[in-house]
Amino acid sequence: MPIDTPRLPKITRRPQYTPDWPDVPPMLARILAGRGVTDPALLDLGLKRLPHPERFTGLRGAVALLLQGRTEQWRICIVGDYDADGATATTLMVRGLERLGYARPDFLVPDRFEYGYGLSPAIVDLAKELYDPDLIITVDNGIASVDGVAAARAQGMRVLITDHHLPGETLPEADALVNPRLPGCEDFPATNLAGVGVAFYLLMDLQRALREQGVAASAPITDLLDLVALGTVADVVVLDDANRVLVEQGLRRIRAGKGCPGIRALLQVAGRDPNRVLAADMGFAVGPRLNAAGRLTDMTQGIACLLAQTDAEATEMAQDLDTINRERRSIEHGMRDAAMEEVARLDADNLPAGLCLYGKEWHEGVVGILASRVKEAIHRPVIAFAPAQQRGQLKGSGRSIPGLHLRDALDAVATANPGLLSKFGGHAMAAGLSLELDKLEDFKAAFEKAVGELLSPKALERIVETDGELDDHELSLTNAELLSHRFPWGQGFPAPSFDGEFEVLKHRIVGERHLKLTLGLPGISGVIDAIHFNVAVEALPSRISKVRGVYRLEVNEFRGQRNPQLLFEHLIPL
């Protein structure tokens, strides 16, 4: 069966238990219980509920190092990463240290095309040449930079690593290491922090230490939580209890008009209202525009936007980032068309366990997005490759599905095939690697074999969990608003979705590939609008009387009017 033939995935429903919580609508209580929230205390998203930093091993040593640096007026250089997490973490560290009485730190983000990821010896040399720092602080990278840290210390620089990636067998010999995944942090429950979350914890503990010395910050570090919210959502880390608190607190500050000019401007160029900002806006509107700079040009542009002091300055920079993002989308569309032509030749009922794709004209800064798009289409781990700057080398970026730790899969490939991979690293759901072009076919076979051994057959089955059906009277604007704003939804804490069958009163195609529907609600003698994006128009029947699918209940705002709308994620005509 072809890939694009309309079909519904297997639908399972989360537990339908409804706790009796005062002041919590039963529908919301049922949805939260289905996500494992069974303690009403977890409904409080106040900062006081964050895990205490004293359980975060490594913070005290890092704080002591920074206190010494403040006393001795060290020159500091922040070395960040070229994604949204790295950009927000860099900005947070620059602005946070300034608030705590430090001279404004310099910062450096490696050009992904020239230097690649992390604190390499080459980046150490560049930092030395440009800024001659006494202390290098990494954010969102560094835990694997054994050679880079050694190079920095050999040149007389101190190094403070802050990172959230999985550590390898050998740790860098830095002056201080801050990473919730290091041994000794087993009692610290916030192990899913993004890089910007780790940086926030360090600054908060530094603020505490300075307060004990009688030194007050010029402004609270918590005022910078809008940056933490953006980086956390954009990096697609698990929204566990601690991350939900961080994201919600950041969103509240943006809605109250206290967000930094750069984030407000990025929301506005994306057509989103800062006063009603949602976690999804961070992931689908702000994050991509920020990431576009790191993918196509230089993430320094994105950081400059986040550091902007005035709305006018931020707006100009945000418009430039929006232009870059439009270019990124154009490149991505061309790559996606080529990739999906190859995917269309696959048998949807006999897919490989893991898929590798390569285009000799593809852009190495966009292959991660491409892998994500294909992964969504076929529900398989996907790695997309493009030519690297170095002749004969490929850069690959992969995205995984639940049940496969992608970095572990690459580690298994490297262990079984010494010398096959030049380098690799990443997370459970996303990873990057370098490979020689003439080894691509060997890697494809090794990757498919490793994935086939690591993934269970059940994990390869596309299964969608929903929160059950909603009655007609529950499809209201009040409930749509409640579901949108009561909690931040995201990775590991998915936005509520429902399944059901509906009568179709009207339907039409809009924007070439989007199905617009008017559905009947006989239970309340009413109607509701619905939309399903990017449908296979040619496969639709000319008349549709009923549909069945999986949908989200959302608010549609058009010309000042706000109405409930069903956004279908999966749909088939009946």
Protein backbone atom coordinates (compact mmCIF):
# COMPACT_ATOMS: atom_id res chain seq x y z
CA MET A 1 0.00 0.00 0.00
CA PRO A 2 1.44 3.45 -0.89
CA ILE A 3 2.61 5.72 1.93
CA ASP A 4 0.10 8.50 1.20
CA THR A 5 -3.02 6.30 1.16
CA PRO A 6 -5.42 7.72 3.78
CA ARG A 7 -5.52 5.50 6.84
CA LEU A 8 -5.98 5.90 10.56
CA PRO A 9 -3.32 4.75 12.98
CA LYS A 10 -4.26 2.36 15.74
CA ILE A 11 -6.04 4.42 18.40
CA THR A 12 -5.73 3.69 22.09
CA ARG A 13 -7.26 5.73 24.87
CA ARG A 14 -5.55 6.93 28.00
CA PRO A 15 -7.09 5.92 31.34
CA GLN A 16 -10.47 7.58 31.78
CA TYR A 17 -10.24 8.03 35.55
CA THR A 18 -11.62 11.37 36.78
CA PRO A 19 -10.21 12.56 40.14
CA ASP A 20 -12.51 14.60 42.35
CA TRP A 21 -10.40 17.77 42.65
CA PRO A 22 -12.00 20.97 43.95
CA ASP A 23 -12.09 23.83 41.46
CA VAL A 24 -10.81 21.64 38.60
CA PRO A 25 -13.26 20.93 35.76
CA PRO A 26 -13.82 17.16 35.47
CA MET A 27 -12.71 17.11 31.82
CA LEU A 28 -9.34 18.65 32.71
CA ALA A 29 -8.93 16.40 35.77
CA ARG A 30 -9.51 13.35 33.57
CA ILE A 31 -6.98 14.53 30.99
CA LEU A 32 -4.30 15.20 33.61
CA ALA A 33 -4.89 11.88 35.35
CA GLY A 34 -4.37 10.17 32.00
CA ARG A 35 -0.89 11.74 31.91
CA GLY A 36 0.06 10.49 35.35
CA VAL A 37 -0.85 13.62 37.29
CA THR A 38 -2.61 12.04 40.26
CA ASP A 39 -1.46 14.43 43.00
CA PRO A 40 -3.42 17.72 43.04
CA ALA A 41 -0.28 19.44 44.36
CA LEU A 42 1.16 19.08 40.85
CA LEU A 43 -1.52 21.47 39.57
CA ASP A 44 0.42 24.30 41.20
CA LEU A 45 2.98 25.61 38.71
CA GLY A 46 4.59 28.12 41.10
CA LEU A 47 8.37 28.49 41.33
CA LYS A 48 8.41 27.26 44.91
CA ARG A 49 7.74 23.77 43.57
CA LEU A 50 11.01 23.55 41.63
CA PRO A 51 13.42 20.92 42.98
CA HIS A 52 15.89 22.51 45.38
CA PRO A 53 19.34 23.21 43.88
CA GLU A 54 21.17 21.67 46.84
CA ARG A 55 20.39 18.26 45.35
CA PHE A 56 21.99 19.28 42.04
CA THR A 57 25.52 17.95 42.48
CA GLY A 58 28.12 20.18 40.85
CA LEU A 59 26.42 23.51 41.43
CA ARG A 60 28.36 24.42 44.56
CA GLY A 61 31.76 23.90 42.92
CA ALA A 62 30.67 25.96 39.91
CA VAL A 63 29.32 28.73 42.13
CA ALA A 64 32.59 28.84 44.09
CA LEU A 65 34.48 29.20 40.80
CA LEU A 66 32.21 32.05 39.67
CA LEU A 67 32.51 33.83 43.02
CA GLN A 68 36.29 33.74 42.67
CA GLY A 69 35.95 35.09 39.15
CA ARG A 70 33.79 37.96 40.37
CA THR A 71 36.28 38.90 43.07
CA GLU A 72 39.26 38.71 40.73
CA GLN A 73 37.37 40.31 37.80
CA TRP A 74 38.06 37.53 35.34
CA ARG A 75 37.33 38.01 31.66
CA ILE A 76 34.56 35.54 30.79
CA CYS A 77 33.61 34.05 27.42
CA ILE A 78 30.41 32.04 26.97
CA VAL A 79 30.65 29.28 24.34
CA GLY A 80 27.18 28.29 23.19
CA ASP A 81 25.47 26.11 20.62
CA TYR A 82 23.84 27.04 17.32
CA ASP A 83 20.28 25.93 18.15
CA ALA A 84 17.49 27.69 20.08
CA ASP A 85 18.46 26.04 23.37
CA GLY A 86 22.06 27.16 22.95
CA ALA A 87 21.02 30.66 21.89
CA THR A 88 18.67 31.17 24.85
CA ALA A 89 21.22 29.68 27.26
CA THR A 90 23.93 32.01 25.93
CA THR A 91 21.65 35.02 26.24
CA LEU A 92 20.56 33.96 29.73
CA MET A 93 24.14 33.59 30.92
CA VAL A 94 25.20 36.95 29.49
CA ARG A 95 22.24 38.83 30.94
CA GLY A 96 22.24 36.88 34.20
CA LEU A 97 25.91 37.48 34.99
CA GLU A 98 25.46 41.18 34.25
CA ARG A 99 22.60 41.32 36.75
CA LEU A 100 24.85 39.70 39.34
CA GLY A 101 27.56 42.34 39.04
CA TYR A 102 29.90 40.82 36.47
CA ALA A 103 31.36 42.74 33.56
CA ARG A 104 29.42 41.90 30.40
CA PRO A 105 30.74 38.52 29.22
CA ASP A 106 31.78 37.93 25.64
CA PHE A 107 30.17 35.07 23.80
CA LEU A 108 31.07 32.80 20.92
CA VAL A 109 28.91 30.37 18.97
CA PRO A 110 30.77 27.95 16.68
CA ASP A 111 29.85 28.23 13.01
CA ARG A 112 28.25 24.83 12.40
CA PHE A 113 29.69 24.62 8.89
CA GLU A 114 33.28 25.54 9.76
CA TYR A 115 33.75 24.31 13.33
CA GLY A 116 30.88 21.96 14.07
CA TYR A 117 29.44 21.40 17.52
CA GLY A 118 30.99 21.96 20.93
CA LEU A 119 34.11 23.28 22.62
CA SER A 120 36.73 22.03 20.17
CA PRO A 121 40.43 22.96 20.34
CA ALA A 122 39.83 25.18 17.30
CA ILE A 123 37.10 27.10 19.15
CA VAL A 124 39.40 27.46 22.17
CA ASP A 125 42.03 29.00 19.90
CA LEU A 126 39.43 31.36 18.42
CA ALA A 127 38.22 32.41 21.88
CA LYS A 128 41.81 33.06 22.91
CA GLU A 129 42.47 35.13 19.80
CA LEU A 130 39.29 37.21 20.05
CA TYR A 131 38.76 37.65 23.78
CA ASP A 132 41.69 36.14 25.74
CA PRO A 133 39.33 34.96 28.52
CA ASP A 134 40.32 33.85 32.00
CA LEU A 135 37.23 31.62 32.15
CA ILE A 136 35.26 29.80 29.45
CA ILE A 137 31.69 28.83 30.36
CA THR A 138 29.96 26.41 28.02
CA VAL A 139 26.18 26.28 27.75
CA ASP A 140 24.26 23.42 26.10
CA ASN A 141 27.54 21.71 25.20
CA GLY A 142 30.89 20.65 26.57
CA ILE A 143 30.29 17.38 28.40
CA ALA A 144 31.99 15.51 25.54
CA SER A 145 34.68 18.16 24.88
CA VAL A 146 37.61 16.31 26.40
CA ASP A 147 40.16 17.67 23.93
CA GLY A 148 38.75 21.20 23.95
CA VAL A 149 38.88 21.48 27.73
CA ALA A 150 42.43 20.14 27.76
CA ALA A 151 43.42 22.71 25.13
CA ALA A 152 41.87 25.56 27.12
CA ARG A 153 43.57 24.59 30.36
CA ALA A 154 46.90 24.15 28.57
CA GLN A 155 46.60 27.82 27.56
CA GLY A 156 45.90 28.92 31.13
CA MET A 157 42.13 29.25 30.86
CA ARG A 158 39.70 27.88 33.40
CA VAL A 159 36.64 26.00 32.11
CA LEU A 160 33.15 25.67 33.56
CA ILE A 161 30.97 23.16 31.69
CA THR A 162 27.18 23.47 31.83
CA ASP A 163 25.39 20.91 29.70
CA HIS A 164 22.44 18.50 29.67
CA HIS A 165 23.55 15.92 27.13
CA LEU A 166 24.40 12.37 28.13
CA PRO A 167 28.00 12.10 29.32
CA GLY A 168 30.34 9.60 27.72
CA GLU A 169 32.71 7.22 29.45
CA THR A 170 35.42 9.90 29.73
CA LEU A 171 34.60 13.28 31.27
CA PRO A 172 36.51 16.47 30.45
CA GLU A 173 38.89 17.65 33.16
CA ALA A 174 37.14 20.98 33.61
CA ASP A 175 37.36 23.19 36.70
CA ALA A 176 33.66 22.55 37.27
CA LEU A 177 31.00 20.35 35.67
CA VAL A 178 27.27 21.08 35.90
CA ASN A 179 25.03 18.47 34.29
CA PRO A 180 21.98 16.78 35.87
CA ARG A 181 22.86 13.53 34.07
CA LEU A 182 26.23 13.12 35.82
CA PRO A 183 26.75 10.49 38.50
CA GLY A 184 25.84 11.92 41.89
CA CYS A 185 22.69 13.68 40.65
CA GLU A 186 20.48 10.64 41.17
CA ASP A 187 18.54 12.42 43.93
CA PHE A 188 17.90 15.49 41.77
CA PRO A 189 14.55 14.91 40.03
CA ALA A 190 14.92 17.49 37.24
CA THR A 191 17.14 15.38 34.98
CA ASN A 192 15.27 16.48 31.84
CA LEU A 193 16.37 20.12 32.01
CA ALA A 194 17.33 21.73 28.71
CA GLY A 195 20.69 23.45 28.45
CA VAL A 196 19.02 26.76 29.28
CA GLY A 197 17.42 25.15 32.34
CA VAL A 198 20.82 24.02 33.59
CA ALA A 199 22.17 27.56 33.10
CA PHE A 200 19.16 28.95 35.00
CA TYR A 201 19.81 26.69 37.98
CA LEU A 202 23.44 27.79 38.08
CA LEU A 203 22.53 31.48 38.00
CA MET A 204 19.87 31.02 40.68
CA ASP A 205 22.36 29.31 42.99
CA LEU A 206 24.94 32.00 42.27
CA GLN A 207 22.32 34.64 43.13
CA ARG A 208 21.69 32.83 46.44
CA ALA A 209 25.40 32.73 47.28
CA LEU A 210 25.85 36.42 46.54
CA ARG A 211 22.79 37.28 48.62
CA GLU A 212 24.37 35.45 51.55
CA GLN A 213 27.40 37.71 51.09
CA GLY A 214 25.14 40.77 51.18
CA VAL A 215 25.26 41.39 47.42
CA ALA A 216 21.92 41.98 45.71
CA ALA A 217 21.23 41.41 42.03
CA SER A 218 20.26 44.44 39.97
CA ALA A 219 17.14 42.48 38.96
CA PRO A 220 15.94 38.94 39.80
CA ILE A 221 17.19 36.09 37.65
CA THR A 222 13.59 34.81 37.56
CA ASP A 223 12.75 37.76 35.32
CA LEU A 224 14.64 35.90 32.58
CA LEU A 225 12.35 32.87 32.62
CA ASP A 226 10.93 33.79 29.22
CA LEU A 227 14.28 32.68 27.77
CA VAL A 228 14.10 29.44 29.74
CA ALA A 229 10.59 28.73 28.44
CA LEU A 230 11.64 29.30 24.83
CA GLY A 231 14.77 27.15 24.99
CA THR A 232 13.05 24.34 26.90
CA VAL A 233 10.14 24.00 24.47
CA ALA A 234 12.25 24.52 21.33
CA ASP A 235 14.72 21.81 22.36
CA VAL A 236 11.84 19.32 22.70
CA VAL A 237 12.96 18.03 26.09
CA VAL A 238 10.43 16.13 28.20
CA LEU A 239 8.00 18.51 29.90
CA ASP A 240 8.20 16.80 33.27
CA ASP A 241 7.02 18.51 36.45
CA ALA A 242 10.05 20.81 36.79
CA ASN A 243 10.07 21.82 33.12
CA ARG A 244 6.33 22.53 33.18
CA VAL A 245 6.93 24.97 36.04
CA LEU A 246 9.79 26.69 34.19
CA VAL A 247 7.83 26.96 30.94
CA GLU A 248 4.61 28.15 32.57
CA GLN A 249 6.44 30.81 34.57
CA GLY A 250 8.16 32.07 31.45
CA LEU A 251 4.90 32.18 29.49
CA ARG A 252 3.21 34.13 32.28
CA ARG A 253 5.91 36.76 32.14
CA ILE A 254 5.51 37.15 28.38
CA ARG A 255 1.71 37.44 28.69
CA ALA A 256 2.19 40.10 31.36
CA GLY A 257 4.35 42.18 29.01
CA LYS A 258 7.57 41.35 30.86
CA GLY A 259 9.21 39.25 28.15
CA CYS A 260 12.37 40.46 26.47
CA PRO A 261 11.88 42.63 23.35
CA GLY A 262 13.41 39.93 21.14
CA ILE A 263 10.90 37.22 22.02
CA ARG A 264 7.98 39.64 21.74
CA ALA A 265 9.20 40.76 18.31
CA LEU A 266 9.65 37.17 17.09
CA LEU A 267 6.10 36.36 18.19
CA GLN A 268 4.74 39.39 16.39
CA VAL A 269 6.51 38.71 13.06
CA ALA A 270 5.09 35.19 13.29
CA GLY A 271 1.58 36.58 13.72
CA ARG A 272 1.21 35.39 17.34
CA ASP A 273 -0.20 37.51 20.16
CA PRO A 274 2.31 37.84 23.03
CA ASN A 275 -0.59 38.43 25.42
CA ARG A 276 -2.00 34.97 24.65
CA VAL A 277 1.25 33.09 24.03
CA LEU A 278 1.22 29.30 24.38
CA ALA A 279 4.00 26.75 24.68
CA ALA A 280 3.20 25.69 21.11
CA ASP A 281 4.05 29.20 19.92
CA MET A 282 7.55 28.77 21.35
CA GLY A 283 7.95 25.49 19.47
CA PHE A 284 6.31 26.33 16.16
CA ALA A 285 6.69 30.11 15.76
CA VAL A 286 9.61 31.54 17.75
CA GLY A 287 11.91 28.52 17.85
CA PRO A 288 12.06 27.96 14.06
CA ARG A 289 12.83 31.63 13.37
CA LEU A 290 15.62 31.57 15.92
CA ASN A 291 16.94 28.23 14.68
CA ALA A 292 16.95 29.45 11.08
CA ALA A 293 19.96 31.65 11.83
CA GLY A 294 21.96 28.69 13.11
CA ARG A 295 20.87 26.51 10.19
CA LEU A 296 21.68 28.88 7.34
CA THR A 297 23.91 31.71 8.59
CA ASP A 298 25.18 32.45 12.09
CA MET A 299 23.33 32.05 15.40
CA THR A 300 24.99 35.26 16.58
CA GLN A 301 22.11 37.01 14.75
CA GLY A 302 19.57 35.16 16.87
CA ILE A 303 21.39 35.92 20.13
CA ALA A 304 21.66 39.58 19.16
CA CYS A 305 17.87 39.66 18.74
CA LEU A 306 17.37 38.14 22.20
CA LEU A 307 19.83 40.64 23.69
CA ALA A 308 18.13 43.65 22.05
CA GLN A 309 17.24 46.38 24.54
CA THR A 310 14.49 48.17 22.61
CA ASP A 311 11.40 47.08 20.71
CA ALA A 312 12.53 48.92 17.57
CA GLU A 313 15.92 47.20 17.55
CA ALA A 314 14.36 43.80 18.27
CA THR A 315 11.72 44.21 15.56
CA GLU A 316 14.31 44.93 12.87
CA MET A 317 16.33 41.87 13.89
CA ALA A 318 13.23 39.68 14.14
CA GLN A 319 12.25 40.66 10.60
CA ASP A 320 15.70 39.62 9.38
CA LEU A 321 15.32 36.27 11.15
CA ASP A 322 11.87 35.84 9.60
CA THR A 323 13.39 36.39 6.16
CA ILE A 324 16.05 33.76 6.86
CA ASN A 325 13.34 31.38 8.05
CA ARG A 326 11.42 31.86 4.80
CA GLU A 327 14.57 30.91 2.92
CA ARG A 328 14.96 27.88 5.18
CA ARG A 329 11.39 26.79 4.43
CA SER A 330 11.97 27.13 0.70
CA ILE A 331 15.08 24.95 0.93
CA GLU A 332 13.26 22.48 3.13
CA HIS A 333 10.30 22.18 0.76
CA GLY A 334 12.58 21.26 -2.13
CA MET A 335 14.42 18.69 -0.01
CA ARG A 336 11.17 17.28 1.34
CA ASP A 337 9.69 16.84 -2.15
CA ALA A 338 12.77 14.90 -3.22
CA ALA A 339 12.77 12.79 -0.04
CA MET A 340 9.07 11.98 -0.24
CA GLU A 341 9.45 10.88 -3.86
CA GLU A 342 11.93 8.29 -2.63
CA VAL A 343 9.70 7.38 0.33
CA ALA A 344 6.66 7.02 -1.95
CA ARG A 345 8.40 4.11 -3.65
CA LEU A 346 8.42 2.21 -0.36
CA ASP A 347 5.74 -0.28 0.60
CA ALA A 348 3.97 1.12 3.67
CA ASP A 349 3.29 -2.42 4.86
CA ASN A 350 6.93 -3.50 4.60
CA LEU A 351 9.06 -0.55 5.70
CA PRO A 352 12.66 -0.92 6.87
CA ALA A 353 13.17 -0.63 10.63
CA GLY A 354 15.30 2.49 10.14
CA LEU A 355 15.64 4.68 7.05
CA CYS A 356 18.62 6.67 5.75
CA LEU A 357 18.24 9.30 3.03
CA TYR A 358 20.89 11.27 1.13
CA GLY A 359 20.70 14.11 -1.37
CA LYS A 360 23.83 15.47 -2.97
CA GLU A 361 22.21 18.90 -3.28
CA TRP A 362 20.74 18.96 0.22
CA HIS A 363 21.69 21.60 2.82
CA GLU A 364 23.41 20.26 5.92
CA GLY A 365 21.72 22.85 8.12
CA VAL A 366 18.24 21.61 7.19
CA VAL A 367 18.63 17.80 7.27
CA GLY A 368 17.38 17.60 10.88
CA ILE A 369 14.04 19.12 9.93
CA LEU A 370 13.85 16.85 6.90
CA ALA A 371 14.46 13.76 9.05
CA SER A 372 11.69 14.90 11.37
CA ARG A 373 9.20 15.36 8.51
CA VAL A 374 9.92 11.92 7.05
CA LYS A 375 9.82 10.30 10.48
CA GLU A 376 6.34 11.73 11.00
CA ALA A 377 5.21 10.35 7.64
CA ILE A 378 6.46 6.76 8.06
CA HIS A 379 6.82 6.30 11.84
CA ARG A 380 10.36 5.01 11.61
CA PRO A 381 13.70 6.37 12.86
CA VAL A 382 15.15 8.46 10.02
CA ILE A 383 18.60 9.89 9.36
CA ALA A 384 19.02 12.42 6.55
CA PHE A 385 22.48 13.17 5.10
CA ALA A 386 23.88 16.11 3.16
CA PRO A 387 27.39 16.88 1.88
CA ALA A 388 29.60 18.50 4.51
CA GLN A 389 32.03 21.35 3.97
CA GLN A 390 34.91 18.87 3.93
CA ARG A 391 35.14 17.09 0.57
CA GLY A 392 34.04 13.47 0.74
CA GLN A 393 32.30 13.90 4.12
CA LEU A 394 28.62 13.76 5.01
CA LYS A 395 26.74 15.40 7.86
CA GLY A 396 23.73 13.47 9.11
CA SER A 397 20.92 14.37 11.46
CA GLY A 398 18.44 11.83 12.80
CA ARG A 399 15.09 11.77 14.52
CA SER A 400 13.68 8.79 16.38
CA ILE A 401 10.36 7.36 17.53
CA PRO A 402 9.36 6.24 21.05
CA GLY A 403 11.09 3.02 21.93
CA LEU A 404 14.46 3.73 20.29
CA HIS A 405 17.23 5.76 21.95
CA LEU A 406 18.88 7.13 18.82
CA ARG A 407 22.25 7.93 20.37
CA ASP A 408 22.40 4.41 21.80
CA ALA A 409 21.60 3.01 18.35
CA LEU A 410 24.49 4.97 16.84
CA ASP A 411 26.73 3.77 19.65
CA ALA A 412 25.75 0.19 18.81
CA VAL A 413 26.61 0.82 15.14
CA ALA A 414 29.97 2.35 16.06
CA THR A 415 30.82 -0.50 18.44
CA ALA A 416 29.97 -3.19 15.90
CA ASN A 417 31.70 -1.34 13.05
CA PRO A 418 34.93 0.33 14.25
CA GLY A 419 35.93 3.26 12.07
CA LEU A 420 32.59 3.51 10.29
CA LEU A 421 31.51 6.75 12.01
CA SER A 422 33.74 9.82 12.17
CA LYS A 423 31.81 11.14 15.19
CA PHE A 424 28.32 11.16 16.64
CA GLY A 425 26.31 12.41 19.60
CA GLY A 426 22.87 13.47 20.74
CA HIS A 427 19.76 12.48 22.67
CA ALA A 428 17.21 9.71 22.74
CA MET A 429 15.04 11.35 20.07
CA ALA A 430 17.60 13.33 18.05
CA ALA A 431 21.24 12.82 17.12
CA GLY A 432 23.90 14.00 14.70
CA LEU A 433 26.80 12.25 13.05
CA SER A 434 29.59 12.59 10.50
CA LEU A 435 30.40 9.96 7.92
CA GLU A 436 32.61 9.48 4.87
CA LEU A 437 30.59 9.42 1.65
CA ASP A 438 31.98 6.10 0.50
CA LYS A 439 30.82 4.47 3.75
CA LEU A 440 27.18 5.53 3.38
CA GLU A 441 25.89 2.21 2.06
CA ASP A 442 27.68 0.31 4.83
CA PHE A 443 26.17 2.65 7.38
CA LYS A 444 22.66 2.22 5.96
CA ALA A 445 22.88 -1.53 6.38
CA ALA A 446 24.42 -1.30 9.85
CA PHE A 447 21.86 1.25 11.03
CA GLU A 448 18.89 -0.76 9.79
CA LYS A 449 20.31 -3.87 11.46
CA ALA A 450 20.90 -2.10 14.79
CA VAL A 451 17.45 -0.49 14.80
CA GLY A 452 15.82 -3.81 13.96
CA GLU A 453 17.52 -5.41 16.94
CA LEU A 454 16.77 -2.58 19.36
CA LEU A 455 13.17 -1.79 18.39
CA SER A 456 10.34 -4.11 19.32
CA PRO A 457 7.75 -4.91 16.62
CA LYS A 458 5.13 -3.15 18.75
CA ALA A 459 7.15 0.09 18.69
CA LEU A 460 7.07 0.02 14.89
CA GLU A 461 3.27 0.06 14.91
CA ARG A 462 1.87 3.56 14.64
CA ILE A 463 -0.28 3.98 17.73
CA VAL A 464 -1.96 7.23 18.70
CA GLU A 465 -3.10 7.78 22.26
CA THR A 466 -6.15 9.96 22.77
CA ASP A 467 -8.18 11.24 25.69
CA GLY A 468 -11.31 9.52 24.41
CA GLU A 469 -14.39 11.16 22.96
CA LEU A 470 -15.96 14.48 23.85
CA ASP A 471 -19.69 14.98 24.08
CA ASP A 472 -21.18 17.64 21.83
CA HIS A 473 -21.71 20.04 24.74
CA GLU A 474 -18.00 19.76 25.66
CA LEU A 475 -16.94 21.17 22.26
CA SER A 476 -17.17 24.72 23.55
CA LEU A 477 -15.06 27.87 23.44
CA THR A 478 -14.73 27.73 27.23
CA ASN A 479 -13.16 24.28 27.08
CA ALA A 480 -10.97 25.24 24.13
CA GLU A 481 -9.62 28.19 26.14
CA LEU A 482 -9.15 26.02 29.21
CA LEU A 483 -7.17 23.37 27.35
CA SER A 484 -5.04 25.99 25.62
CA HIS A 485 -3.96 27.99 28.67
CA ARG A 486 -4.28 25.92 31.84
CA PHE A 487 -1.11 23.89 31.29
CA PRO A 488 1.91 24.03 28.97
CA TRP A 489 1.81 21.01 26.71
CA GLY A 490 4.72 19.46 24.85
CA GLN A 491 7.13 16.54 24.62
CA GLY A 492 6.17 13.80 27.07
CA PHE A 493 3.12 15.80 28.18
CA PRO A 494 1.14 15.98 24.95
CA ALA A 495 -1.64 18.41 24.23
CA PRO A 496 -5.08 16.83 24.72
CA SER A 497 -6.39 15.00 21.69
CA PHE A 498 -9.65 13.18 21.16
CA ASP A 499 -11.17 10.75 18.70
CA GLY A 500 -14.63 10.67 17.26
CA GLU A 501 -16.96 10.36 14.29
CA PHE A 502 -18.79 13.35 12.84
CA GLU A 503 -21.42 14.22 10.28
CA VAL A 504 -20.07 16.50 7.54
CA LEU A 505 -22.41 19.32 6.52
CA LYS A 506 -19.98 21.13 4.20
CA HIS A 507 -16.41 20.67 3.03
CA ARG A 508 -13.99 22.40 0.69
CA ILE A 509 -10.27 22.60 -0.08
CA VAL A 510 -8.45 25.75 0.99
CA GLY A 511 -4.84 26.71 0.39
CA GLU A 512 -4.53 23.88 -2.19
CA ARG A 513 -4.05 21.01 0.32
CA HIS A 514 -6.10 21.81 3.44
CA LEU A 515 -9.55 20.32 4.07
CA LYS A 516 -12.00 22.77 5.68
CA LEU A 517 -15.10 21.18 7.24
CA THR A 518 -18.36 22.19 8.88
CA LEU A 519 -19.50 19.43 11.22
CA GLY A 520 -22.90 18.84 12.74
CA LEU A 521 -23.34 18.50 16.51
CA PRO A 522 -26.79 16.91 16.84
CA GLY A 523 -26.49 16.63 20.63
CA ILE A 524 -26.77 20.41 20.95
CA SER A 525 -28.38 21.17 17.57
CA GLY A 526 -25.27 23.05 16.54
CA VAL A 527 -22.24 23.05 14.24
CA ILE A 528 -18.50 23.43 14.61
CA ASP A 529 -15.73 24.23 12.15
CA ALA A 530 -12.82 21.85 11.61
CA ILE A 531 -9.68 21.72 9.50
CA HIS A 532 -7.21 19.04 8.42
CA PHE A 533 -3.90 20.27 6.99
CA ASN A 534 -1.85 18.82 4.16
CA VAL A 535 -4.26 16.15 2.97
CA ALA A 536 -3.80 13.95 -0.08
CA VAL A 537 -6.43 15.85 -2.07
CA GLU A 538 -6.32 13.45 -5.00
CA ALA A 539 -7.29 10.57 -2.69
CA LEU A 540 -10.40 12.28 -1.29
CA PRO A 541 -13.87 11.27 -2.54
CA SER A 542 -15.92 14.01 -4.21
CA ARG A 543 -18.62 13.71 -1.55
CA ILE A 544 -17.93 13.28 2.16
CA SER A 545 -20.85 12.62 4.49
CA LYS A 546 -18.98 11.46 7.58
CA VAL A 547 -15.42 11.54 8.92
CA ARG A 548 -13.63 9.77 11.70
CA GLY A 549 -10.38 10.91 13.17
CA VAL A 550 -8.17 12.22 15.94
CA TYR A 551 -8.43 15.92 16.72
CA ARG A 552 -7.52 18.69 19.11
CA LEU A 553 -10.02 21.23 20.41
CA GLU A 554 -8.56 24.68 19.77
CA VAL A 555 -9.48 28.34 19.57
CA ASN A 556 -9.71 29.83 16.08
CA GLU A 557 -9.41 33.62 16.00
CA PHE A 558 -10.48 35.33 12.79
CA ARG A 559 -11.24 39.02 12.34
CA GLY A 560 -11.52 39.51 16.08
CA GLN A 561 -13.92 36.61 16.57
CA ARG A 562 -12.88 33.64 18.71
CA ASN A 563 -14.60 30.30 18.12
CA PRO A 564 -13.91 26.65 18.94
CA GLN A 565 -12.42 24.61 16.13
CA LEU A 566 -11.41 20.98 15.68
CA LEU A 567 -7.91 20.57 14.32
CA PHE A 568 -7.68 17.04 12.91
CA GLU A 569 -4.32 15.33 13.21
CA HIS A 570 -5.55 12.12 11.54
CA LEU A 571 -8.72 11.83 9.48
CA ILE A 572 -10.42 9.50 7.02
CA PRO A 573 -13.73 9.98 5.19
CA LEU A 574 -16.32 7.30 5.89
